[in-house]
Amino acid sequence: MKTTIAILSIFFSFFSLAKAAEPAKEESAAVTRLIDAVISDDLGDFIKDGEPAFQKLTQEQLSAVSAQLKPRLENGYDTTYLGALTQQGYQVTLWRIRFKDGKDDALATLSMKDGKVGGFYLR
């Protein structure tokens, strides 16, 4: 009986971990929207769901990122959710961007609070 309880306890622990390994739909949609805005170099789309500080980004800043990543993104990419953490009240999700060109991947971090984007960084 104790063995059965221990096995069930382990099973439910793994189930809980597996379930936590999925991003929220809101975060997944935000990453897609932000990457699409980088590809199209569209500042309005990039900042529209952002907090006031995020909305202060300039077209020049976005264009610099877009010029660097647009060709690789247009060639194709996949995003993979890597995990999440909480920092200063923000839900920070980590994403791997694997480019179809087979060269180095990129790491994206998305910071959100109350449905607003506080930061989106591509490394």
C-alpha atoms as a PDB file:
ATOM      1  CA  MET A   1       0.000   0.000   0.000  1.00  0.00           C
ATOM      2  CA  LYS A   2       2.806   2.439   0.891  1.00  0.00           C
ATOM      3  CA  THR A   3       4.516   1.595  -2.406  1.00  0.00           C
ATOM      4  CA  THR A   4       1.336   2.379  -4.338  1.00  0.00           C
ATOM      5  CA  ILE A   5       0.953   5.730  -2.572  1.00  0.00           C
ATOM      6  CA  ALA A   6       4.602   6.585  -3.227  1.00  0.00           C
ATOM      7  CA  ILE A   7       4.260   5.698  -6.929  1.00  0.00           C
ATOM      8  CA  LEU A   8       1.079   7.768  -7.250  1.00  0.00           C
ATOM      9  CA  SER A   9       2.756  10.666  -5.472  1.00  0.00           C
ATOM     10  CA  ILE A  10       5.692  10.539  -7.890  1.00  0.00           C
ATOM     11  CA  PHE A  11       3.316  10.253 -10.870  1.00  0.00           C
ATOM     12  CA  PHE A  12       1.358  13.346  -9.820  1.00  0.00           C
ATOM     13  CA  SER A  13       4.586  15.261  -9.154  1.00  0.00           C
ATOM     14  CA  PHE A  14       5.785  14.533 -12.693  1.00  0.00           C
ATOM     15  CA  PHE A  15       2.360  15.424 -14.086  1.00  0.00           C
ATOM     16  CA  SER A  16       2.472  18.779 -12.270  1.00  0.00           C
ATOM     17  CA  LEU A  17       5.969  19.504 -13.588  1.00  0.00           C
ATOM     18  CA  ALA A  18       4.986  18.588 -17.146  1.00  0.00           C
ATOM     19  CA  LYS A  19       1.954  20.832 -16.960  1.00  0.00           C
ATOM     20  CA  ALA A  20       4.056  23.734 -15.653  1.00  0.00           C
ATOM     21  CA  ALA A  21       6.405  23.320 -18.627  1.00  0.00           C
ATOM     22  CA  GLU A  22       3.866  24.907 -20.959  1.00  0.00           C
ATOM     23  CA  PRO A  23       3.712  28.658 -21.528  1.00  0.00           C
ATOM     24  CA  ALA A  24       0.498  30.589 -21.030  1.00  0.00           C
ATOM     25  CA  LYS A  25      -1.389  31.241 -24.270  1.00  0.00           C
ATOM     26  CA  GLU A  26      -1.005  34.977 -23.691  1.00  0.00           C
ATOM     27  CA  GLU A  27       2.791  34.699 -23.529  1.00  0.00           C
ATOM     28  CA  SER A  28       3.021  32.430 -26.547  1.00  0.00           C
ATOM     29  CA  ALA A  29       0.838  34.795 -28.581  1.00  0.00           C
ATOM     30  CA  ALA A  30       2.907  37.787 -27.436  1.00  0.00           C
ATOM     31  CA  VAL A  31       6.162  36.179 -28.592  1.00  0.00           C
ATOM     32  CA  THR A  32       4.630  35.460 -31.997  1.00  0.00           C
ATOM     33  CA  ARG A  33       3.313  39.042 -32.329  1.00  0.00           C
ATOM     34  CA  LEU A  34       6.633  40.563 -31.303  1.00  0.00           C
ATOM     35  CA  ILE A  35       8.660  38.434 -33.717  1.00  0.00           C
ATOM     36  CA  ASP A  36       6.202  39.248 -36.516  1.00  0.00           C
ATOM     37  CA  ALA A  37       6.659  42.944 -35.717  1.00  0.00           C
ATOM     38  CA  VAL A  38      10.454  42.532 -35.890  1.00  0.00           C
ATOM     39  CA  ILE A  39      10.107  40.893 -39.319  1.00  0.00           C
ATOM     40  CA  SER A  40       7.821  43.659 -40.618  1.00  0.00           C
ATOM     41  CA  ASP A  41       9.791  46.398 -38.786  1.00  0.00           C
ATOM     42  CA  ASP A  42       6.451  47.700 -37.483  1.00  0.00           C
ATOM     43  CA  LEU A  43       6.944  49.762 -34.345  1.00  0.00           C
ATOM     44  CA  GLY A  44       3.200  50.204 -33.773  1.00  0.00           C
ATOM     45  CA  ASP A  45       2.621  46.450 -33.632  1.00  0.00           C
ATOM     46  CA  PHE A  46       5.759  45.922 -31.574  1.00  0.00           C
ATOM     47  CA  ILE A  47       4.829  48.308 -28.752  1.00  0.00           C
ATOM     48  CA  LYS A  48       1.010  48.177 -28.787  1.00  0.00           C
ATOM     49  CA  ASP A  49       0.723  45.695 -25.874  1.00  0.00           C
ATOM     50  CA  GLY A  50       3.553  47.258 -23.899  1.00  0.00           C
ATOM     51  CA  GLU A  51       3.791  49.124 -20.649  1.00  0.00           C
ATOM     52  CA  PRO A  52       4.489  52.872 -20.961  1.00  0.00           C
ATOM     53  CA  ALA A  53       8.273  52.412 -20.650  1.00  0.00           C
ATOM     54  CA  PHE A  54       8.231  49.703 -23.355  1.00  0.00           C
ATOM     55  CA  GLN A  55       6.246  52.015 -25.621  1.00  0.00           C
ATOM     56  CA  LYS A  56       9.126  54.498 -25.548  1.00  0.00           C
ATOM     57  CA  LEU A  57      11.186  52.296 -27.857  1.00  0.00           C
ATOM     58  CA  THR A  58      12.048  54.106 -31.065  1.00  0.00           C
ATOM     59  CA  GLN A  59      11.734  53.120 -34.690  1.00  0.00           C
ATOM     60  CA  GLU A  60      15.521  53.339 -34.972  1.00  0.00           C
ATOM     61  CA  GLN A  61      15.963  50.780 -32.180  1.00  0.00           C
ATOM     62  CA  LEU A  62      13.485  48.356 -33.754  1.00  0.00           C
ATOM     63  CA  SER A  63      14.933  48.879 -37.233  1.00  0.00           C
ATOM     64  CA  ALA A  64      18.411  47.979 -35.989  1.00  0.00           C
ATOM     65  CA  VAL A  65      17.135  44.664 -34.626  1.00  0.00           C
ATOM     66  CA  SER A  66      14.970  44.054 -37.676  1.00  0.00           C
ATOM     67  CA  ALA A  67      17.865  44.668 -40.089  1.00  0.00           C
ATOM     68  CA  GLN A  68      19.948  42.092 -38.267  1.00  0.00           C
ATOM     69  CA  LEU A  69      17.326  39.356 -37.773  1.00  0.00           C
ATOM     70  CA  LYS A  70      14.763  39.814 -40.552  1.00  0.00           C
ATOM     71  CA  PRO A  71      16.668  37.806 -43.203  1.00  0.00           C
ATOM     72  CA  ARG A  72      17.124  34.869 -40.825  1.00  0.00           C
ATOM     73  CA  LEU A  73      13.550  35.013 -39.541  1.00  0.00           C
ATOM     74  CA  GLU A  74      12.118  35.209 -43.058  1.00  0.00           C
ATOM     75  CA  ASN A  75      14.145  32.122 -43.977  1.00  0.00           C
ATOM     76  CA  GLY A  76      12.193  30.255 -41.297  1.00  0.00           C
ATOM     77  CA  TYR A  77      12.417  29.621 -37.585  1.00  0.00           C
ATOM     78  CA  ASP A  78      10.878  27.665 -34.729  1.00  0.00           C
ATOM     79  CA  THR A  79      10.325  28.855 -31.182  1.00  0.00           C
ATOM     80  CA  THR A  80      10.658  26.565 -28.182  1.00  0.00           C
ATOM     81  CA  TYR A  81       9.507  27.489 -24.710  1.00  0.00           C
ATOM     82  CA  LEU A  82      12.345  26.886 -22.243  1.00  0.00           C
ATOM     83  CA  GLY A  83      10.797  27.903 -18.941  1.00  0.00           C
ATOM     84  CA  ALA A  84       9.731  30.769 -16.747  1.00  0.00           C
ATOM     85  CA  LEU A  85      10.770  32.674 -13.682  1.00  0.00           C
ATOM     86  CA  THR A  86       9.533  35.622 -11.696  1.00  0.00           C
ATOM     87  CA  GLN A  87      11.639  38.761 -11.469  1.00  0.00           C
ATOM     88  CA  GLN A  88      10.557  42.010  -9.818  1.00  0.00           C
ATOM     89  CA  GLY A  89       6.886  41.072 -10.193  1.00  0.00           C
ATOM     90  CA  TYR A  90       7.190  40.148 -13.876  1.00  0.00           C
ATOM     91  CA  GLN A  91       6.563  36.727 -15.371  1.00  0.00           C
ATOM     92  CA  VAL A  92       9.677  36.192 -17.473  1.00  0.00           C
ATOM     93  CA  THR A  93       9.550  33.452 -20.083  1.00  0.00           C
ATOM     94  CA  LEU A  94      12.558  32.130 -21.957  1.00  0.00           C
ATOM     95  CA  TRP A  95      12.384  31.032 -25.591  1.00  0.00           C
ATOM     96  CA  ARG A  96      14.855  29.452 -28.003  1.00  0.00           C
ATOM     97  CA  ILE A  97      14.583  30.685 -31.563  1.00  0.00           C
ATOM     98  CA  ARG A  98      16.060  28.081 -33.866  1.00  0.00           C
ATOM     99  CA  PHE A  99      16.677  29.460 -37.325  1.00  0.00           C
ATOM    100  CA  LYS A 100      16.221  27.250 -40.393  1.00  0.00           C
ATOM    101  CA  ASP A 101      19.590  28.447 -41.741  1.00  0.00           C
ATOM    102  CA  GLY A 102      21.243  26.118 -39.211  1.00  0.00           C
ATOM    103  CA  LYS A 103      23.427  28.858 -37.724  1.00  0.00           C
ATOM    104  CA  ASP A 104      23.424  29.976 -34.099  1.00  0.00           C
ATOM    105  CA  ASP A 105      20.134  30.011 -32.221  1.00  0.00           C
ATOM    106  CA  ALA A 106      18.844  33.093 -30.420  1.00  0.00           C
ATOM    107  CA  LEU A 107      17.543  33.371 -26.875  1.00  0.00           C
ATOM    108  CA  ALA A 108      14.461  35.511 -26.344  1.00  0.00           C
ATOM    109  CA  THR A 109      13.192  36.692 -22.984  1.00  0.00           C
ATOM    110  CA  LEU A 110       9.698  38.085 -22.612  1.00  0.00           C
ATOM    111  CA  SER A 111       8.722  39.973 -19.450  1.00  0.00           C
ATOM    112  CA  MET A 112       5.012  40.472 -18.788  1.00  0.00           C
ATOM    113  CA  LYS A 113       2.926  41.843 -15.940  1.00  0.00           C
ATOM    114  CA  ASP A 114      -0.844  42.274 -15.887  1.00  0.00           C
ATOM    115  CA  GLY A 115      -1.086  41.409 -19.598  1.00  0.00           C
ATOM    116  CA  LYS A 116       1.413  44.079 -20.649  1.00  0.00           C
ATOM    117  CA  VAL A 117       4.859  43.599 -22.138  1.00  0.00           C
ATOM    118  CA  GLY A 118       7.589  45.066 -19.987  1.00  0.00           C
ATOM    119  CA  GLY A 119      10.494  43.799 -22.075  1.00  0.00           C
ATOM    120  CA  PHE A 120      11.421  41.599 -25.009  1.00  0.00           C
ATOM    121  CA  TYR A 121      15.074  40.870 -25.551  1.00  0.00           C
ATOM    122  CA  LEU A 122      16.732  38.857 -28.296  1.00  0.00           C
ATOM    123  CA  ARG A 123      20.263  37.607 -27.721  1.00  0.00           C
END
